[in-house]
Amino acid sequence: MTRSRGNRNRIDIAGQILGTANGGGTKKIKMMYQANLSYAQLKKYLMVLTERDLLRYDLDTQTFKTTEKGHKFLETYNQLDDLMNPKKYVQV
């Protein structure tokens, strides 16, 4: 994600949370710091993301993990981000 943290919207924040939880169990504190959210803000996002089956909570490990639906969201989000913020290439 290339957008600066000052101009984030809900989709950007959801992408950051899902990206942090992607690939393994992640604790709330890590997602909170990676997404630069307060605990109260994070709780609201976690509730929405789990209700929409983008994020799953594992009771045994007490961690969150991105679901298959969340992976599809991230893939689409990253494609749109690449379209809107193309990487600048240096000509040699």
N, C-alpha and C. Protein backbone atom coordinates (compact mmCIF):
# COMPACT_ATOMS: atom_id res chain seq x y z
N MET A 1 0.83 -1.17 0.00
CA MET A 1 0.00 0.00 0.00
C MET A 1 0.87 1.23 0.00
N THR A 2 0.59 2.16 -0.90
CA THR A 2 1.45 3.33 -1.05
C THR A 2 0.85 4.61 -0.49
N ARG A 3 -0.38 4.59 -0.10
CA ARG A 3 -1.04 5.80 0.40
C ARG A 3 -0.46 6.20 1.75
N SER A 4 -0.33 7.49 1.97
CA SER A 4 0.18 7.95 3.26
C SER A 4 -0.88 7.73 4.33
N ARG A 5 -0.48 7.65 5.57
CA ARG A 5 -1.41 7.35 6.66
C ARG A 5 -2.36 8.50 6.93
N GLY A 6 -2.05 9.73 6.48
CA GLY A 6 -2.88 10.87 6.78
C GLY A 6 -4.21 10.88 6.05
N ASN A 7 -4.33 10.19 4.92
CA ASN A 7 -5.54 10.25 4.10
C ASN A 7 -6.16 8.88 3.91
N ARG A 8 -6.29 8.12 4.97
CA ARG A 8 -6.84 6.78 4.85
C ARG A 8 -8.36 6.80 4.95
N ASN A 9 -8.97 5.85 4.28
CA ASN A 9 -10.41 5.65 4.44
C ASN A 9 -10.64 4.27 5.05
N ARG A 10 -11.89 3.89 5.22
CA ARG A 10 -12.20 2.60 5.85
C ARG A 10 -11.64 1.42 5.07
N ILE A 11 -11.65 1.53 3.74
CA ILE A 11 -11.13 0.44 2.91
C ILE A 11 -9.62 0.29 3.12
N ASP A 12 -8.91 1.43 3.18
CA ASP A 12 -7.46 1.39 3.42
C ASP A 12 -7.14 0.75 4.77
N ILE A 13 -7.90 1.13 5.79
CA ILE A 13 -7.66 0.60 7.14
C ILE A 13 -7.98 -0.89 7.17
N ALA A 14 -9.07 -1.29 6.55
CA ALA A 14 -9.41 -2.71 6.49
C ALA A 14 -8.30 -3.49 5.77
N GLY A 15 -7.77 -2.92 4.70
CA GLY A 15 -6.67 -3.56 3.97
C GLY A 15 -5.44 -3.71 4.84
N GLN A 16 -5.14 -2.71 5.65
CA GLN A 16 -3.98 -2.79 6.54
C GLN A 16 -4.18 -3.87 7.61
N ILE A 17 -5.36 -3.94 8.17
CA ILE A 17 -5.65 -4.95 9.19
C ILE A 17 -5.57 -6.35 8.59
N LEU A 18 -6.22 -6.55 7.45
CA LEU A 18 -6.19 -7.86 6.80
C LEU A 18 -4.78 -8.24 6.36
N GLY A 19 -4.03 -7.26 5.89
CA GLY A 19 -2.65 -7.53 5.48
C GLY A 19 -1.79 -7.93 6.66
N THR A 20 -2.02 -7.33 7.80
CA THR A 20 -1.27 -7.68 9.01
C THR A 20 -1.60 -9.09 9.48
N ALA A 21 -2.87 -9.47 9.38
CA ALA A 21 -3.31 -10.80 9.83
C ALA A 21 -3.12 -11.87 8.77
N ASN A 22 -2.64 -11.50 7.61
CA ASN A 22 -2.45 -12.43 6.50
C ASN A 22 -1.25 -13.34 6.78
N GLY A 23 -1.45 -14.63 6.57
CA GLY A 23 -0.33 -15.55 6.68
C GLY A 23 -0.11 -16.17 8.04
N GLY A 24 -0.95 -15.87 8.99
CA GLY A 24 -0.77 -16.51 10.29
C GLY A 24 -1.55 -15.79 11.37
N GLY A 25 -1.56 -16.38 12.53
CA GLY A 25 -2.28 -15.80 13.65
C GLY A 25 -1.63 -14.51 14.13
N THR A 26 -2.42 -13.48 14.30
CA THR A 26 -1.92 -12.18 14.69
C THR A 26 -2.72 -11.67 15.89
N LYS A 27 -2.03 -11.14 16.86
CA LYS A 27 -2.66 -10.59 18.06
C LYS A 27 -3.19 -9.18 17.77
N LYS A 28 -4.15 -8.76 18.57
CA LYS A 28 -4.76 -7.44 18.42
C LYS A 28 -3.73 -6.32 18.49
N ILE A 29 -2.78 -6.45 19.39
CA ILE A 29 -1.81 -5.37 19.59
C ILE A 29 -0.99 -5.11 18.33
N LYS A 30 -0.63 -6.17 17.62
CA LYS A 30 0.14 -6.00 16.39
C LYS A 30 -0.69 -5.29 15.32
N MET A 31 -1.96 -5.69 15.19
CA MET A 31 -2.82 -5.05 14.21
C MET A 31 -3.05 -3.58 14.58
N MET A 32 -3.19 -3.32 15.87
CA MET A 32 -3.42 -1.95 16.34
C MET A 32 -2.25 -1.05 15.96
N TYR A 33 -1.04 -1.51 16.19
CA TYR A 33 0.14 -0.70 15.87
C TYR A 33 0.39 -0.61 14.37
N GLN A 34 0.21 -1.71 13.65
CA GLN A 34 0.44 -1.70 12.20
C GLN A 34 -0.54 -0.77 11.49
N ALA A 35 -1.79 -0.75 11.95
CA ALA A 35 -2.82 0.08 11.32
C ALA A 35 -2.91 1.47 11.94
N ASN A 36 -2.12 1.70 12.99
CA ASN A 36 -2.09 2.99 13.68
C ASN A 36 -3.49 3.39 14.17
N LEU A 37 -4.11 2.48 14.93
CA LEU A 37 -5.46 2.70 15.45
C LEU A 37 -5.45 2.64 16.97
N SER A 38 -6.42 3.30 17.58
CA SER A 38 -6.63 3.13 19.01
C SER A 38 -7.29 1.77 19.23
N TYR A 39 -7.29 1.32 20.47
CA TYR A 39 -7.92 0.04 20.77
C TYR A 39 -9.42 0.08 20.46
N ALA A 40 -10.07 1.18 20.79
CA ALA A 40 -11.51 1.31 20.52
C ALA A 40 -11.79 1.25 19.02
N GLN A 41 -10.97 1.93 18.22
CA GLN A 41 -11.14 1.89 16.76
C GLN A 41 -10.92 0.48 16.23
N LEU A 42 -9.86 -0.17 16.70
CA LEU A 42 -9.55 -1.52 16.24
C LEU A 42 -10.70 -2.47 16.53
N LYS A 43 -11.29 -2.39 17.73
CA LYS A 43 -12.39 -3.28 18.10
C LYS A 43 -13.55 -3.16 17.11
N LYS A 44 -13.86 -1.93 16.68
CA LYS A 44 -14.95 -1.73 15.72
C LYS A 44 -14.62 -2.38 14.38
N TYR A 45 -13.39 -2.20 13.92
CA TYR A 45 -12.99 -2.80 12.64
C TYR A 45 -12.97 -4.32 12.73
N LEU A 46 -12.48 -4.87 13.84
CA LEU A 46 -12.44 -6.32 13.99
C LEU A 46 -13.84 -6.91 13.98
N MET A 47 -14.78 -6.23 14.60
CA MET A 47 -16.16 -6.70 14.62
C MET A 47 -16.73 -6.73 13.19
N VAL A 48 -16.53 -5.66 12.45
CA VAL A 48 -17.05 -5.59 11.08
C VAL A 48 -16.38 -6.64 10.18
N LEU A 49 -15.06 -6.74 10.28
CA LEU A 49 -14.33 -7.68 9.42
C LEU A 49 -14.67 -9.13 9.73
N THR A 50 -14.88 -9.46 10.99
CA THR A 50 -15.26 -10.84 11.33
C THR A 50 -16.71 -11.11 10.95
N GLU A 51 -17.60 -10.13 11.12
CA GLU A 51 -19.01 -10.30 10.72
C GLU A 51 -19.13 -10.53 9.22
N ARG A 52 -18.24 -9.93 8.45
CA ARG A 52 -18.29 -10.06 6.99
C ARG A 52 -17.42 -11.21 6.49
N ASP A 53 -16.92 -12.02 7.41
CA ASP A 53 -16.13 -13.22 7.10
C ASP A 53 -14.84 -12.90 6.33
N LEU A 54 -14.25 -11.75 6.64
CA LEU A 54 -12.96 -11.40 6.06
C LEU A 54 -11.82 -11.75 7.02
N LEU A 55 -12.17 -11.91 8.28
CA LEU A 55 -11.19 -12.17 9.34
C LEU A 55 -11.80 -13.21 10.27
N ARG A 56 -10.96 -14.11 10.78
CA ARG A 56 -11.43 -15.17 11.67
C ARG A 56 -10.64 -15.12 12.97
N TYR A 57 -11.34 -15.32 14.08
CA TYR A 57 -10.70 -15.35 15.39
C TYR A 57 -10.54 -16.79 15.83
N ASP A 58 -9.33 -17.16 16.24
CA ASP A 58 -9.05 -18.51 16.73
C ASP A 58 -9.03 -18.46 18.26
N LEU A 59 -10.01 -19.11 18.87
CA LEU A 59 -10.12 -19.10 20.33
C LEU A 59 -8.93 -19.78 21.01
N ASP A 60 -8.41 -20.85 20.40
CA ASP A 60 -7.31 -21.59 21.01
C ASP A 60 -6.05 -20.74 21.13
N THR A 61 -5.70 -20.03 20.05
CA THR A 61 -4.47 -19.23 20.06
C THR A 61 -4.73 -17.77 20.39
N GLN A 62 -6.01 -17.39 20.45
CA GLN A 62 -6.43 -16.01 20.70
C GLN A 62 -5.79 -15.05 19.70
N THR A 63 -5.83 -15.45 18.43
CA THR A 63 -5.28 -14.63 17.35
C THR A 63 -6.28 -14.53 16.21
N PHE A 64 -6.03 -13.57 15.32
CA PHE A 64 -6.86 -13.37 14.14
C PHE A 64 -6.10 -13.83 12.90
N LYS A 65 -6.86 -14.31 11.93
CA LYS A 65 -6.27 -14.74 10.67
C LYS A 65 -7.18 -14.32 9.52
N THR A 66 -6.60 -13.88 8.43
CA THR A 66 -7.36 -13.50 7.24
C THR A 66 -7.98 -14.75 6.62
N THR A 67 -9.27 -14.68 6.28
CA THR A 67 -9.97 -15.81 5.66
C THR A 67 -9.72 -15.80 4.15
N GLU A 68 -10.25 -16.82 3.48
CA GLU A 68 -10.14 -16.87 2.01
C GLU A 68 -10.83 -15.66 1.38
N LYS A 69 -11.98 -15.30 1.92
CA LYS A 69 -12.69 -14.11 1.43
C LYS A 69 -11.85 -12.86 1.69
N GLY A 70 -11.16 -12.82 2.82
CA GLY A 70 -10.26 -11.71 3.13
C GLY A 70 -9.08 -11.65 2.17
N HIS A 71 -8.57 -12.82 1.76
CA HIS A 71 -7.48 -12.87 0.78
C HIS A 71 -7.93 -12.29 -0.56
N LYS A 72 -9.16 -12.62 -0.95
CA LYS A 72 -9.69 -12.07 -2.21
C LYS A 72 -9.84 -10.55 -2.12
N PHE A 73 -10.29 -10.08 -0.96
CA PHE A 73 -10.39 -8.63 -0.73
C PHE A 73 -9.02 -7.99 -0.88
N LEU A 74 -8.00 -8.56 -0.23
CA LEU A 74 -6.65 -8.00 -0.30
C LEU A 74 -6.10 -7.99 -1.72
N GLU A 75 -6.35 -9.06 -2.45
CA GLU A 75 -5.88 -9.14 -3.84
C GLU A 75 -6.49 -8.03 -4.68
N THR A 76 -7.81 -7.85 -4.55
CA THR A 76 -8.50 -6.80 -5.29
C THR A 76 -8.05 -5.42 -4.83
N TYR A 77 -7.92 -5.24 -3.54
CA TYR A 77 -7.47 -3.97 -2.97
C TYR A 77 -6.08 -3.60 -3.51
N ASN A 78 -5.17 -4.56 -3.52
CA ASN A 78 -3.81 -4.29 -4.01
C ASN A 78 -3.79 -3.99 -5.50
N GLN A 79 -4.63 -4.66 -6.27
CA GLN A 79 -4.71 -4.37 -7.70
C GLN A 79 -5.21 -2.95 -7.94
N LEU A 80 -6.24 -2.54 -7.21
CA LEU A 80 -6.75 -1.17 -7.35
C LEU A 80 -5.72 -0.15 -6.91
N ASP A 81 -5.01 -0.45 -5.83
CA ASP A 81 -3.97 0.46 -5.34
C ASP A 81 -2.87 0.62 -6.39
N ASP A 82 -2.50 -0.48 -7.04
CA ASP A 82 -1.48 -0.41 -8.10
C ASP A 82 -1.96 0.42 -9.28
N LEU A 83 -3.24 0.31 -9.63
CA LEU A 83 -3.79 1.10 -10.73
C LEU A 83 -3.81 2.59 -10.40
N MET A 84 -4.18 2.89 -9.17
CA MET A 84 -4.31 4.30 -8.78
C MET A 84 -2.97 4.94 -8.40
N ASN A 85 -2.01 4.14 -8.01
CA ASN A 85 -0.71 4.65 -7.59
C ASN A 85 0.39 3.86 -8.30
N PRO A 86 0.53 4.06 -9.62
CA PRO A 86 1.54 3.27 -10.35
C PRO A 86 2.94 3.56 -9.82
N LYS A 87 3.73 2.51 -9.81
CA LYS A 87 5.12 2.67 -9.38
C LYS A 87 5.89 3.41 -10.46
N LYS A 88 6.73 4.31 -10.03
CA LYS A 88 7.51 5.07 -11.00
C LYS A 88 8.79 4.29 -11.32
N TYR A 89 9.03 4.14 -12.60
CA TYR A 89 10.21 3.43 -13.04
C TYR A 89 11.24 4.42 -13.54
N VAL A 90 12.46 4.13 -13.26
CA VAL A 90 13.57 4.98 -13.70
C VAL A 90 14.05 4.46 -15.02
N GLN A 91 14.11 5.35 -16.03
CA GLN A 91 14.64 4.96 -17.33
C GLN A 91 16.14 4.96 -17.29
N VAL A 92 16.72 3.93 -17.87
CA VAL A 92 18.18 3.84 -17.89
C VAL A 92 18.69 4.17 -19.27
